[in-house]
Protein backbone atom coordinates (compact mmCIF):
# COMPACT_ATOMS: atom_id res chain seq x y z
CA UNK A 1 -117.01 23.25 256.33
CA UNK A 2 -118.34 26.50 255.00
CA UNK A 3 -117.72 26.99 251.29
CA UNK A 4 -116.89 30.72 251.83
CA UNK A 5 -114.55 31.84 254.35
CA UNK A 6 -112.98 34.95 255.88
CA UNK A 7 -110.14 36.35 253.56
CA UNK A 8 -112.05 34.98 250.29
CA UNK A 9 -112.36 37.28 247.22
CA UNK A 10 -115.88 37.20 246.24
CA UNK A 11 -118.49 38.55 243.70
CA UNK A 12 -121.92 39.86 244.46
CA UNK A 13 -124.40 37.99 242.16
CA UNK A 14 -127.71 39.40 243.47
CA UNK A 15 -129.03 42.68 245.01
CA UNK A 16 -128.41 46.31 244.95
CA UNK A 17 -124.47 45.68 244.64
CA UNK A 18 -124.63 42.98 241.92
CA UNK A 19 -121.14 42.87 240.11
CA UNK A 20 -119.10 44.42 243.13
CA UNK A 21 -116.24 42.44 244.23
CA UNK A 22 -114.76 42.24 247.69
CA UNK A 23 -112.97 40.35 250.59
CA UNK A 24 -115.06 38.64 253.21
CA UNK A 25 -114.01 40.52 256.49
CA UNK A 26 -115.68 38.41 258.85
CA UNK A 27 -118.79 35.72 259.24
CA UNK A 28 -121.50 37.15 261.39
CA UNK A 29 -123.31 33.72 261.68
CA UNK A 30 -124.01 30.56 259.63
CA UNK A 31 -125.56 32.38 256.89
CA UNK A 32 -124.23 36.03 256.73
CA UNK A 33 -121.03 37.49 256.00
CA UNK A 34 -119.63 40.97 255.98
CA UNK A 35 -117.68 41.81 252.52
CA UNK A 36 -115.46 45.00 252.32
CA UNK A 37 -117.40 47.69 250.14
CA UNK A 38 -120.45 45.71 249.76
CA UNK A 39 -123.82 46.52 251.17
CA UNK A 40 -122.53 49.90 252.74
CA UNK A 41 -125.45 51.89 254.26
CA UNK A 42 -125.58 55.49 256.09
CA UNK A 43 -125.95 55.36 259.93
CA UNK A 44 -127.21 58.16 261.97
CA UNK A 45 -125.04 58.21 265.06
CA UNK A 46 -126.08 60.53 268.14
CA UNK A 47 -123.30 62.08 270.12
CA UNK A 48 -122.42 60.49 273.37
CA UNK A 49 -120.17 62.78 275.62
CA UNK A 50 -119.60 60.12 278.23
CA UNK A 51 -117.92 57.81 275.49
CA UNK A 52 -116.38 60.92 273.81
CA UNK A 53 -118.18 59.86 270.21
CA UNK A 54 -119.32 62.73 267.99
CA UNK A 55 -122.60 62.59 266.33
CA UNK A 56 -123.34 62.66 262.48
CA UNK A 57 -123.64 60.17 259.53
CA UNK A 58 -121.41 57.56 259.17
CA UNK A 59 -121.08 54.52 256.47
CA UNK A 60 -121.37 51.18 257.70
CA UNK A 61 -120.95 47.83 256.04
CA UNK A 62 -123.79 45.37 256.90
CA UNK A 63 -124.00 41.63 256.37
CA UNK A 64 -125.15 40.16 253.39
CA UNK A 65 -126.58 36.59 252.65
CA UNK A 66 -124.10 34.13 251.36
CA UNK A 67 -126.39 33.03 248.67
CA UNK A 68 -126.03 36.35 247.08
CA UNK A 69 -122.12 35.98 246.55
CA UNK A 70 -119.95 33.54 244.78
CA UNK A 71 -116.43 32.92 245.06
CA UNK A 72 -114.24 34.76 242.63
CA UNK A 73 -111.99 32.69 240.45
CA UNK A 74 -108.97 34.82 239.26
CA UNK A 75 -107.77 32.09 236.60
CA UNK A 76 -111.05 32.99 234.62
CA UNK A 77 -111.93 36.17 236.03
CA UNK A 78 -115.39 35.18 236.77
CA UNK A 79 -117.81 33.98 239.84
CA UNK A 80 -117.49 30.11 240.48
CA UNK A 81 -118.96 27.49 242.49
CA UNK A 82 -117.09 25.79 245.40
CA UNK A 83 -117.04 21.99 245.52
CA UNK A 84 -115.30 20.03 248.65
CA UNK A 85 -113.08 17.26 247.57
CA UNK A 86 -112.64 14.60 250.20
CA UNK A 87 -109.16 13.53 251.03
CA UNK A 88 -108.04 9.95 251.74
CA UNK A 89 -106.31 9.07 255.03
CA UNK A 90 -102.69 9.32 253.26
CA UNK A 91 -103.40 12.81 251.92
CA UNK A 92 -104.83 13.81 255.05
CA UNK A 93 -101.31 12.72 256.82
CA UNK A 94 -99.46 14.38 254.13
CA UNK A 95 -101.06 17.78 254.56
CA UNK A 96 -101.08 17.29 258.53
CA UNK A 97 -104.63 18.46 258.70
CA UNK A 98 -107.74 17.26 260.57
CA UNK A 99 -109.83 18.33 258.05
CA UNK A 100 -110.85 15.60 255.59
CA UNK A 101 -111.68 17.69 252.62
CA UNK A 102 -110.40 20.64 250.60
CA UNK A 103 -112.19 23.31 248.73
CA UNK A 104 -112.02 23.45 244.95
CA UNK A 105 -113.35 25.36 242.11
CA UNK A 106 -116.15 23.37 240.41
CA UNK A 107 -115.18 24.80 236.66
CA UNK A 108 -111.51 23.93 237.00
CA UNK A 109 -110.97 21.55 239.88
CA UNK A 110 -108.11 23.74 241.10
CA UNK A 111 -107.74 24.01 244.81
CA UNK A 112 -108.58 27.22 246.43
CA UNK A 113 -105.89 28.58 248.54
CA UNK A 114 -106.74 30.67 251.67
């Protein structure tokens, strides 16, 4: 179970974009994710008349390592860590889920809604 998922609000804690907040738009692989508005680079594109694309300089959002971001806790307004609280069989049946755990904020213990 990944602690940071698509759609989560995260804050960058290390690197060039430290302090920026954004939403996770996708996971590239096990360790990297793409966050909207974070790690934006200039990319030079060649024109391709067969595809109908024009050349020029475009802004592209590149992946960032998940160790450089932390989940944003709206209750405290700060970055927080994620814990996984295991569910017993009765809670699992009540939630009608196959997952045996749920993500919670470490500081407050509140469940992360996603």
